[in-house]
Amino acid sequence: MTSRLSEQDLDLIFRSARTANTYHDREVTIEQLREIWDLMKWGPTSANSMPARIVWCMSEEAKATLAGCASAGNRKKILSAPVSAIIGMDLEFHEKLPQLYPAADARSWFVGNEQVIRDTAFRNASLQGAYLIIAARALGFGVGPMSGFDNSAVDEAFSPARASGRISS
């Protein structure tokens, strides 16, 4: 390590970083979301697996759909946020490992082993979700991570086949 962040930067990212429950009435642009993605994608994952897939709910329709999948306490927060991000995972991430991790035949570690695929994808997509939070905070955005939702309903409502009108990374 050659340098360290300033105390002010550490405060911004960690010490003062509490879950936001209210949001400013300001638009978040696609360019800003790409900037968050472009920063968070560099966070290390095992074998550079990068299994996280993000659906950005920007439209009122997408936010209403997501709110309908959430617990009562989270609905208002989703509807009032300028953007909500759904962190999913790609269970075929290992197919990209020859490009992402050429140091070894990492793809072979996963082929035919569904439990290892699922465990690795879940663990590393969750890690990438944390990187997304840190990237957003570093770029000056408030974040309000939530887990009060019906996972099956979110999967159904936001499957790739139904993702029209949403930005996904």
N, C-alpha and C. Protein backbone atom coordinates (compact mmCIF):
# COMPACT_ATOMS: atom_id res chain seq x y z
N MET A 1 0.85 -1.18 0.00
CA MET A 1 0.00 0.00 0.00
C MET A 1 0.89 1.23 0.00
N THR A 2 0.61 2.14 -0.89
CA THR A 2 1.47 3.31 -1.01
C THR A 2 0.86 4.58 -0.43
N SER A 3 -0.44 4.64 -0.32
CA SER A 3 -1.06 5.83 0.25
C SER A 3 -2.36 5.43 0.94
N ARG A 4 -2.91 6.36 1.64
CA ARG A 4 -4.16 6.09 2.33
C ARG A 4 -5.13 7.22 2.05
N LEU A 5 -6.41 6.91 2.16
CA LEU A 5 -7.44 7.93 1.97
C LEU A 5 -7.39 8.92 3.11
N SER A 6 -7.87 10.10 2.85
CA SER A 6 -7.92 11.13 3.89
C SER A 6 -8.97 10.75 4.93
N GLU A 7 -8.88 11.37 6.07
CA GLU A 7 -9.88 11.15 7.12
C GLU A 7 -11.28 11.53 6.61
N GLN A 8 -11.35 12.60 5.83
CA GLN A 8 -12.63 13.04 5.26
C GLN A 8 -13.19 11.97 4.31
N ASP A 9 -12.32 11.36 3.50
CA ASP A 9 -12.77 10.31 2.59
C ASP A 9 -13.24 9.07 3.36
N LEU A 10 -12.50 8.71 4.40
CA LEU A 10 -12.90 7.57 5.23
C LEU A 10 -14.25 7.83 5.91
N ASP A 11 -14.45 9.06 6.34
CA ASP A 11 -15.75 9.43 6.92
C ASP A 11 -16.86 9.25 5.90
N LEU A 12 -16.64 9.76 4.68
CA LEU A 12 -17.64 9.70 3.63
C LEU A 12 -18.02 8.25 3.31
N ILE A 13 -17.04 7.40 3.17
CA ILE A 13 -17.29 6.04 2.72
C ILE A 13 -17.74 5.13 3.87
N PHE A 14 -17.18 5.31 5.06
CA PHE A 14 -17.46 4.38 6.15
C PHE A 14 -18.07 5.01 7.40
N ARG A 15 -17.35 5.90 8.05
CA ARG A 15 -17.74 6.35 9.37
C ARG A 15 -19.06 7.10 9.42
N SER A 16 -19.38 7.84 8.37
CA SER A 16 -20.65 8.58 8.32
C SER A 16 -21.66 7.92 7.38
N ALA A 17 -21.34 6.76 6.92
CA ALA A 17 -22.16 6.09 5.92
C ALA A 17 -23.23 5.23 6.59
N ARG A 18 -24.35 5.83 6.83
CA ARG A 18 -25.48 5.09 7.41
C ARG A 18 -26.51 4.86 6.33
N THR A 19 -27.38 3.91 6.55
CA THR A 19 -28.43 3.61 5.58
C THR A 19 -29.34 4.81 5.41
N ALA A 20 -29.46 5.26 4.17
CA ALA A 20 -30.36 6.38 3.88
C ALA A 20 -31.81 5.90 3.90
N ASN A 21 -32.67 6.68 4.50
CA ASN A 21 -34.10 6.38 4.52
C ASN A 21 -34.91 7.41 3.77
N THR A 22 -34.27 8.53 3.46
CA THR A 22 -34.89 9.57 2.64
C THR A 22 -33.86 10.00 1.60
N TYR A 23 -34.37 10.56 0.51
CA TYR A 23 -33.49 10.90 -0.61
C TYR A 23 -33.80 12.29 -1.10
N HIS A 24 -32.79 12.94 -1.68
CA HIS A 24 -32.99 14.23 -2.33
C HIS A 24 -33.81 14.02 -3.59
N ASP A 25 -34.55 15.00 -3.97
CA ASP A 25 -35.35 14.93 -5.19
C ASP A 25 -34.49 15.39 -6.36
N ARG A 26 -33.47 14.58 -6.68
CA ARG A 26 -32.56 14.88 -7.78
C ARG A 26 -32.47 13.67 -8.69
N GLU A 27 -32.42 13.94 -9.97
CA GLU A 27 -32.29 12.86 -10.94
C GLU A 27 -30.90 12.23 -10.84
N VAL A 28 -30.85 10.93 -10.99
CA VAL A 28 -29.59 10.21 -11.15
C VAL A 28 -29.56 9.77 -12.60
N THR A 29 -28.50 10.13 -13.30
CA THR A 29 -28.43 9.87 -14.73
C THR A 29 -27.83 8.50 -15.03
N ILE A 30 -28.06 8.05 -16.23
CA ILE A 30 -27.45 6.80 -16.70
C ILE A 30 -25.93 6.93 -16.66
N GLU A 31 -25.42 8.09 -17.00
CA GLU A 31 -23.98 8.31 -16.97
C GLU A 31 -23.44 8.14 -15.54
N GLN A 32 -24.18 8.63 -14.55
CA GLN A 32 -23.75 8.47 -13.16
C GLN A 32 -23.80 7.01 -12.74
N LEU A 33 -24.81 6.29 -13.18
CA LEU A 33 -24.89 4.86 -12.86
C LEU A 33 -23.74 4.10 -13.50
N ARG A 34 -23.40 4.46 -14.72
CA ARG A 34 -22.25 3.84 -15.38
C ARG A 34 -20.96 4.15 -14.63
N GLU A 35 -20.86 5.37 -14.10
CA GLU A 35 -19.68 5.74 -13.33
C GLU A 35 -19.58 4.88 -12.06
N ILE A 36 -20.71 4.64 -11.40
CA ILE A 36 -20.71 3.75 -10.23
C ILE A 36 -20.27 2.36 -10.65
N TRP A 37 -20.87 1.84 -11.73
CA TRP A 37 -20.51 0.49 -12.22
C TRP A 37 -19.02 0.43 -12.58
N ASP A 38 -18.55 1.45 -13.30
CA ASP A 38 -17.16 1.44 -13.74
C ASP A 38 -16.18 1.47 -12.58
N LEU A 39 -16.57 2.03 -11.46
CA LEU A 39 -15.73 2.02 -10.28
C LEU A 39 -15.85 0.70 -9.52
N MET A 40 -17.09 0.26 -9.30
CA MET A 40 -17.29 -0.95 -8.47
C MET A 40 -16.77 -2.22 -9.12
N LYS A 41 -16.74 -2.27 -10.44
CA LYS A 41 -16.35 -3.51 -11.12
C LYS A 41 -14.89 -3.89 -10.86
N TRP A 42 -14.10 -2.91 -10.40
CA TRP A 42 -12.69 -3.20 -10.15
C TRP A 42 -12.45 -3.85 -8.79
N GLY A 43 -13.47 -3.90 -7.94
CA GLY A 43 -13.30 -4.56 -6.64
C GLY A 43 -13.00 -6.04 -6.84
N PRO A 44 -12.06 -6.58 -6.08
CA PRO A 44 -11.66 -7.97 -6.28
C PRO A 44 -12.76 -8.97 -5.92
N THR A 45 -12.86 -9.99 -6.76
CA THR A 45 -13.72 -11.15 -6.51
C THR A 45 -12.86 -12.39 -6.74
N SER A 46 -13.27 -13.52 -6.22
CA SER A 46 -12.45 -14.70 -6.38
C SER A 46 -12.33 -15.05 -7.86
N ALA A 47 -11.11 -15.25 -8.30
CA ALA A 47 -10.77 -15.55 -9.69
C ALA A 47 -11.36 -14.52 -10.66
N ASN A 48 -11.50 -13.28 -10.20
CA ASN A 48 -12.10 -12.22 -11.03
C ASN A 48 -13.45 -12.65 -11.60
N SER A 49 -14.20 -13.40 -10.83
CA SER A 49 -15.45 -14.01 -11.34
C SER A 49 -16.52 -13.01 -11.72
N MET A 50 -16.61 -11.90 -11.04
CA MET A 50 -17.56 -10.83 -11.34
C MET A 50 -18.98 -11.34 -11.69
N PRO A 51 -19.62 -12.11 -10.82
CA PRO A 51 -20.93 -12.67 -11.16
C PRO A 51 -22.12 -11.74 -10.96
N ALA A 52 -21.91 -10.58 -10.35
CA ALA A 52 -23.04 -9.68 -10.07
C ALA A 52 -23.62 -9.15 -11.38
N ARG A 53 -24.93 -9.07 -11.41
CA ARG A 53 -25.65 -8.41 -12.50
C ARG A 53 -26.60 -7.44 -11.82
N ILE A 54 -26.67 -6.24 -12.34
CA ILE A 54 -27.46 -5.19 -11.70
C ILE A 54 -28.59 -4.77 -12.61
N VAL A 55 -29.77 -4.68 -12.03
CA VAL A 55 -30.91 -4.07 -12.70
C VAL A 55 -31.15 -2.75 -11.99
N TRP A 56 -31.07 -1.66 -12.74
CA TRP A 56 -31.30 -0.32 -12.19
C TRP A 56 -32.75 0.03 -12.45
N CYS A 57 -33.52 0.19 -11.43
CA CYS A 57 -34.93 0.57 -11.57
C CYS A 57 -35.01 2.10 -11.50
N MET A 58 -35.26 2.69 -12.65
CA MET A 58 -35.28 4.14 -12.76
C MET A 58 -36.67 4.71 -13.00
N SER A 59 -37.47 4.01 -13.76
CA SER A 59 -38.79 4.52 -14.12
C SER A 59 -39.75 4.32 -12.95
N GLU A 60 -40.81 5.11 -12.95
CA GLU A 60 -41.84 4.97 -11.91
C GLU A 60 -42.43 3.56 -11.97
N GLU A 61 -42.61 3.04 -13.17
CA GLU A 61 -43.16 1.68 -13.34
C GLU A 61 -42.25 0.63 -12.72
N ALA A 62 -40.95 0.72 -13.00
CA ALA A 62 -40.00 -0.26 -12.45
C ALA A 62 -39.95 -0.16 -10.93
N LYS A 63 -39.92 1.07 -10.41
CA LYS A 63 -39.88 1.24 -8.95
C LYS A 63 -41.17 0.73 -8.31
N ALA A 64 -42.32 0.94 -8.96
CA ALA A 64 -43.59 0.44 -8.42
C ALA A 64 -43.61 -1.09 -8.42
N THR A 65 -43.07 -1.68 -9.47
CA THR A 65 -43.00 -3.15 -9.53
C THR A 65 -42.12 -3.67 -8.40
N LEU A 66 -40.97 -3.06 -8.22
CA LEU A 66 -40.06 -3.48 -7.14
C LEU A 66 -40.71 -3.26 -5.78
N ALA A 67 -41.34 -2.12 -5.60
CA ALA A 67 -42.00 -1.83 -4.31
C ALA A 67 -43.06 -2.88 -4.01
N GLY A 68 -43.74 -3.37 -5.04
CA GLY A 68 -44.74 -4.41 -4.84
C GLY A 68 -44.16 -5.73 -4.37
N CYS A 69 -42.85 -5.92 -4.53
CA CYS A 69 -42.17 -7.13 -4.09
C CYS A 69 -41.53 -6.96 -2.70
N ALA A 70 -41.61 -5.74 -2.16
CA ALA A 70 -40.90 -5.42 -0.92
C ALA A 70 -41.83 -5.46 0.29
N SER A 71 -41.22 -5.53 1.45
CA SER A 71 -41.99 -5.45 2.69
C SER A 71 -42.58 -4.06 2.81
N ALA A 72 -43.63 -3.94 3.59
CA ALA A 72 -44.34 -2.66 3.74
C ALA A 72 -43.40 -1.52 4.15
N GLY A 73 -42.46 -1.80 5.01
CA GLY A 73 -41.54 -0.76 5.49
C GLY A 73 -40.57 -0.26 4.43
N ASN A 74 -40.36 -1.03 3.38
CA ASN A 74 -39.41 -0.63 2.34
C ASN A 74 -40.09 0.00 1.12
N ARG A 75 -41.39 -0.14 0.99
CA ARG A 75 -42.07 0.35 -0.22
C ARG A 75 -41.90 1.84 -0.42
N LYS A 76 -42.11 2.64 0.61
CA LYS A 76 -42.01 4.08 0.49
C LYS A 76 -40.59 4.50 0.11
N LYS A 77 -39.58 3.82 0.67
CA LYS A 77 -38.19 4.15 0.37
C LYS A 77 -37.89 3.88 -1.11
N ILE A 78 -38.37 2.77 -1.62
CA ILE A 78 -38.14 2.43 -3.03
C ILE A 78 -38.81 3.45 -3.93
N LEU A 79 -40.04 3.79 -3.61
CA LEU A 79 -40.78 4.73 -4.45
C LEU A 79 -40.20 6.14 -4.41
N SER A 80 -39.57 6.53 -3.30
CA SER A 80 -39.03 7.89 -3.20
C SER A 80 -37.58 7.99 -3.68
N ALA A 81 -36.90 6.88 -3.81
CA ALA A 81 -35.51 6.92 -4.27
C ALA A 81 -35.46 7.23 -5.76
N PRO A 82 -34.48 7.99 -6.19
CA PRO A 82 -34.39 8.27 -7.62
C PRO A 82 -34.09 7.01 -8.44
N VAL A 83 -33.38 6.06 -7.84
CA VAL A 83 -33.01 4.81 -8.50
C VAL A 83 -32.93 3.72 -7.43
N SER A 84 -33.34 2.52 -7.80
CA SER A 84 -33.09 1.36 -6.95
C SER A 84 -32.30 0.36 -7.77
N ALA A 85 -31.34 -0.28 -7.14
CA ALA A 85 -30.51 -1.29 -7.81
C ALA A 85 -30.84 -2.66 -7.25
N ILE A 86 -31.11 -3.58 -8.14
CA ILE A 86 -31.28 -4.98 -7.74
C ILE A 86 -29.98 -5.69 -8.08
N ILE A 87 -29.37 -6.29 -7.07
CA ILE A 87 -28.13 -7.03 -7.29
C ILE A 87 -28.50 -8.49 -7.48
N GLY A 88 -28.27 -8.99 -8.66
CA GLY A 88 -28.50 -10.40 -8.97
C GLY A 88 -27.18 -11.09 -9.22
N MET A 89 -27.26 -12.34 -9.67
CA MET A 89 -26.04 -13.08 -9.94
C MET A 89 -26.21 -13.91 -11.20
N ASP A 90 -25.15 -13.99 -11.96
CA ASP A 90 -25.10 -14.76 -13.19
C ASP A 90 -24.55 -16.14 -12.86
N LEU A 91 -25.38 -17.16 -13.04
CA LEU A 91 -24.94 -18.52 -12.72
C LEU A 91 -24.11 -19.13 -13.85
N GLU A 92 -23.87 -18.36 -14.89
CA GLU A 92 -22.97 -18.80 -15.96
C GLU A 92 -21.69 -17.95 -15.99
N PHE A 93 -21.39 -17.31 -14.86
CA PHE A 93 -20.21 -16.44 -14.77
C PHE A 93 -18.94 -17.17 -15.17
N HIS A 94 -18.87 -18.47 -14.86
CA HIS A 94 -17.65 -19.23 -15.11
C HIS A 94 -17.31 -19.34 -16.60
N GLU A 95 -18.29 -19.12 -17.47
CA GLU A 95 -18.03 -19.16 -18.91
C GLU A 95 -17.15 -17.99 -19.35
N LYS A 96 -17.09 -16.94 -18.55
CA LYS A 96 -16.27 -15.77 -18.88
C LYS A 96 -14.90 -15.82 -18.22
N LEU A 97 -14.65 -16.83 -17.40
CA LEU A 97 -13.38 -16.89 -16.67
C LEU A 97 -12.15 -17.02 -17.56
N PRO A 98 -12.21 -17.66 -18.73
CA PRO A 98 -11.01 -17.67 -19.57
C PRO A 98 -10.52 -16.26 -19.93
N GLN A 99 -11.45 -15.30 -20.05
CA GLN A 99 -11.05 -13.93 -20.33
C GLN A 99 -10.74 -13.16 -19.04
N LEU A 100 -11.52 -13.41 -17.99
CA LEU A 100 -11.38 -12.64 -16.75
C LEU A 100 -10.24 -13.11 -15.87
N TYR A 101 -9.91 -14.40 -15.97
CA TYR A 101 -8.87 -14.97 -15.12
C TYR A 101 -8.03 -15.95 -15.93
N PRO A 102 -7.21 -15.43 -16.86
CA PRO A 102 -6.44 -16.32 -17.72
C PRO A 102 -5.25 -17.00 -17.03
N ALA A 103 -5.02 -16.70 -15.78
CA ALA A 103 -3.88 -17.29 -15.06
C ALA A 103 -4.04 -18.78 -14.83
N ALA A 104 -5.27 -19.29 -14.90
CA ALA A 104 -5.52 -20.71 -14.66
C ALA A 104 -6.77 -21.12 -15.44
N ASP A 105 -6.98 -22.42 -15.54
CA ASP A 105 -8.20 -22.92 -16.19
C ASP A 105 -9.33 -22.91 -15.16
N ALA A 106 -9.70 -21.71 -14.73
CA ALA A 106 -10.69 -21.56 -13.66
C ALA A 106 -12.08 -22.05 -14.08
N ARG A 107 -12.40 -21.97 -15.35
CA ARG A 107 -13.71 -22.46 -15.81
C ARG A 107 -13.91 -23.92 -15.40
N SER A 108 -12.86 -24.72 -15.50
CA SER A 108 -12.98 -26.15 -15.19
C SER A 108 -13.30 -26.40 -13.72
N TRP A 109 -13.04 -25.43 -12.86
CA TRP A 109 -13.36 -25.59 -11.44
C TRP A 109 -14.86 -25.65 -11.20
N PHE A 110 -15.63 -25.12 -12.15
CA PHE A 110 -17.06 -24.95 -11.95
C PHE A 110 -17.93 -25.84 -12.83
N VAL A 111 -17.48 -26.20 -14.00
CA VAL A 111 -18.31 -26.94 -14.95
C VAL A 111 -18.84 -28.22 -14.30
N GLY A 112 -20.17 -28.35 -14.31
CA GLY A 112 -20.82 -29.53 -13.76
C GLY A 112 -20.99 -29.54 -12.26
N ASN A 113 -20.56 -28.51 -11.57
CA ASN A 113 -20.66 -28.47 -10.12
C ASN A 113 -21.59 -27.33 -9.72
N GLU A 114 -22.88 -27.58 -9.78
CA GLU A 114 -23.89 -26.55 -9.57
C GLU A 114 -23.81 -25.90 -8.18
N GLN A 115 -23.49 -26.68 -7.16
CA GLN A 115 -23.41 -26.09 -5.82
C GLN A 115 -22.25 -25.12 -5.70
N VAL A 116 -21.12 -25.47 -6.26
CA VAL A 116 -19.96 -24.56 -6.23
C VAL A 116 -20.27 -23.31 -7.04
N ILE A 117 -20.93 -23.47 -8.19
CA ILE A 117 -21.33 -22.33 -9.01
C ILE A 117 -22.22 -21.41 -8.20
N ARG A 118 -23.27 -21.96 -7.59
CA ARG A 118 -24.24 -21.16 -6.84
C ARG A 118 -23.58 -20.48 -5.64
N ASP A 119 -22.78 -21.22 -4.88
CA ASP A 119 -22.11 -20.64 -3.71
C ASP A 119 -21.15 -19.53 -4.10
N THR A 120 -20.37 -19.76 -5.14
CA THR A 120 -19.40 -18.76 -5.58
C THR A 120 -20.10 -17.52 -6.13
N ALA A 121 -21.14 -17.74 -6.92
CA ALA A 121 -21.89 -16.60 -7.48
C ALA A 121 -22.52 -15.78 -6.37
N PHE A 122 -23.16 -16.44 -5.41
CA PHE A 122 -23.82 -15.72 -4.32
C PHE A 122 -22.82 -14.93 -3.48
N ARG A 123 -21.74 -15.58 -3.11
CA ARG A 123 -20.73 -14.94 -2.26
C ARG A 123 -20.11 -13.73 -2.97
N ASN A 124 -19.73 -13.90 -4.21
CA ASN A 124 -19.04 -12.82 -4.92
C ASN A 124 -19.98 -11.75 -5.43
N ALA A 125 -21.22 -12.08 -5.78
CA ALA A 125 -22.21 -11.06 -6.15
C ALA A 125 -22.54 -10.21 -4.92
N SER A 126 -22.61 -10.85 -3.75
CA SER A 126 -22.84 -10.09 -2.52
C SER A 126 -21.67 -9.15 -2.24
N LEU A 127 -20.46 -9.64 -2.46
CA LEU A 127 -19.28 -8.81 -2.30
C LEU A 127 -19.34 -7.63 -3.27
N GLN A 128 -19.75 -7.88 -4.50
CA GLN A 128 -19.87 -6.80 -5.48
C GLN A 128 -20.98 -5.82 -5.09
N GLY A 129 -22.01 -6.29 -4.42
CA GLY A 129 -23.03 -5.39 -3.90
C GLY A 129 -22.44 -4.42 -2.89
N ALA A 130 -21.53 -4.92 -2.06
CA ALA A 130 -20.84 -4.04 -1.11
C ALA A 130 -19.95 -3.05 -1.85
N TYR A 131 -19.29 -3.51 -2.90
CA TYR A 131 -18.48 -2.58 -3.70
C TYR A 131 -19.36 -1.50 -4.33
N LEU A 132 -20.56 -1.87 -4.76
CA LEU A 132 -21.47 -0.88 -5.33
C LEU A 132 -21.79 0.20 -4.29
N ILE A 133 -22.05 -0.22 -3.07
CA ILE A 133 -22.34 0.73 -1.99
C ILE A 133 -21.15 1.66 -1.77
N ILE A 134 -19.96 1.09 -1.71
CA ILE A 134 -18.76 1.90 -1.48
C ILE A 134 -18.53 2.84 -2.66
N ALA A 135 -18.69 2.36 -3.89
CA ALA A 135 -18.50 3.21 -5.07
C ALA A 135 -19.51 4.35 -5.06
N ALA A 136 -20.76 4.05 -4.78
CA ALA A 136 -21.79 5.10 -4.75
C ALA A 136 -21.46 6.13 -3.68
N ARG A 137 -21.08 5.69 -2.50
CA ARG A 137 -20.71 6.62 -1.42
C ARG A 137 -19.51 7.47 -1.84
N ALA A 138 -18.50 6.84 -2.47
CA ALA A 138 -17.30 7.56 -2.88
C ALA A 138 -17.62 8.63 -3.91
N LEU A 139 -18.68 8.42 -4.69
CA LEU A 139 -19.08 9.38 -5.71
C LEU A 139 -20.14 10.36 -5.21
N GLY A 140 -20.43 10.30 -3.90
CA GLY A 140 -21.30 11.30 -3.29
C GLY A 140 -22.77 10.94 -3.23
N PHE A 141 -23.12 9.68 -3.45
CA PHE A 141 -24.52 9.27 -3.40
C PHE A 141 -24.85 8.63 -2.05
N GLY A 142 -26.07 8.84 -1.58
CA GLY A 142 -26.56 8.13 -0.42
C GLY A 142 -27.09 6.77 -0.87
N VAL A 143 -27.01 5.81 -0.01
CA VAL A 143 -27.50 4.46 -0.33
C VAL A 143 -28.31 3.92 0.83
N GLY A 144 -29.29 3.11 0.51
CA GLY A 144 -30.13 2.50 1.53
C GLY A 144 -30.31 1.02 1.25
N PRO A 145 -29.31 0.19 1.56
CA PRO A 145 -29.42 -1.24 1.29
C PRO A 145 -30.64 -1.84 2.00
N MET A 146 -31.30 -2.76 1.31
CA MET A 146 -32.50 -3.39 1.87
C MET A 146 -32.45 -4.89 1.63
N SER A 147 -33.04 -5.63 2.53
CA SER A 147 -33.21 -7.06 2.30
C SER A 147 -34.64 -7.50 2.56
N GLY A 148 -35.53 -6.60 2.85
CA GLY A 148 -36.92 -6.95 3.10
C GLY A 148 -37.72 -7.01 1.81
N PHE A 149 -37.61 -8.14 1.11
CA PHE A 149 -38.34 -8.30 -0.14
C PHE A 149 -38.58 -9.78 -0.40
N ASP A 150 -39.50 -10.07 -1.30
CA ASP A 150 -39.81 -11.44 -1.71
C ASP A 150 -38.89 -11.76 -2.88
N ASN A 151 -37.85 -12.53 -2.62
CA ASN A 151 -36.83 -12.83 -3.62
C ASN A 151 -37.43 -13.48 -4.88
N SER A 152 -38.33 -14.42 -4.70
CA SER A 152 -38.95 -15.09 -5.86
C SER A 152 -39.75 -14.10 -6.70
N ALA A 153 -40.45 -13.20 -6.05
CA ALA A 153 -41.24 -12.19 -6.78
C ALA A 153 -40.33 -11.25 -7.55
N VAL A 154 -39.21 -10.86 -6.95
CA VAL A 154 -38.25 -10.00 -7.65
C VAL A 154 -37.66 -10.74 -8.84
N ASP A 155 -37.29 -12.01 -8.64
CA ASP A 155 -36.76 -12.80 -9.75
C ASP A 155 -37.76 -12.88 -10.89
N GLU A 156 -39.00 -13.12 -10.56
CA GLU A 156 -40.05 -13.22 -11.59
C GLU A 156 -40.27 -11.89 -12.29
N ALA A 157 -40.37 -10.82 -11.53
CA ALA A 157 -40.69 -9.51 -12.11
C ALA A 157 -39.53 -8.92 -12.91
N PHE A 158 -38.31 -9.26 -12.53
CA PHE A 158 -37.15 -8.62 -13.16
C PHE A 158 -36.24 -9.61 -13.87
N SER A 159 -36.79 -10.73 -14.30
CA SER A 159 -35.99 -11.67 -15.08
C SER A 159 -35.52 -10.97 -16.35
N PRO A 160 -34.41 -11.41 -16.93
CA PRO A 160 -33.90 -10.74 -18.14
C PRO A 160 -34.94 -10.62 -19.25
N ALA A 161 -35.83 -11.57 -19.38
CA ALA A 161 -36.84 -11.51 -20.43
C ALA A 161 -37.84 -10.38 -20.20
N ARG A 162 -37.97 -9.92 -18.96
CA ARG A 162 -38.92 -8.87 -18.63
C ARG A 162 -38.24 -7.53 -18.36
N ALA A 163 -36.96 -7.42 -18.62
CA ALA A 163 -36.19 -6.25 -18.20
C ALA A 163 -36.29 -5.06 -19.16
N SER A 164 -37.21 -5.06 -20.08
CA SER A 164 -37.31 -3.90 -20.97
C SER A 164 -37.68 -2.68 -20.16
N GLY A 165 -37.11 -1.55 -20.52
CA GLY A 165 -37.38 -0.32 -19.80
C GLY A 165 -36.50 -0.11 -18.59
N ARG A 166 -35.58 -1.04 -18.36
CA ARG A 166 -34.68 -0.92 -17.23
C ARG A 166 -33.26 -0.96 -17.77
N ILE A 167 -32.34 -0.39 -17.09
CA ILE A 167 -30.94 -0.43 -17.47
C ILE A 167 -30.31 -1.57 -16.69
N SER A 168 -29.61 -2.44 -17.33
CA SER A 168 -28.92 -3.48 -16.58
C SER A 168 -27.45 -3.46 -16.93
N SER A 169 -26.63 -3.77 -15.93
CA SER A 169 -25.18 -3.79 -16.12
C SER A 169 -24.69 -5.20 -15.98
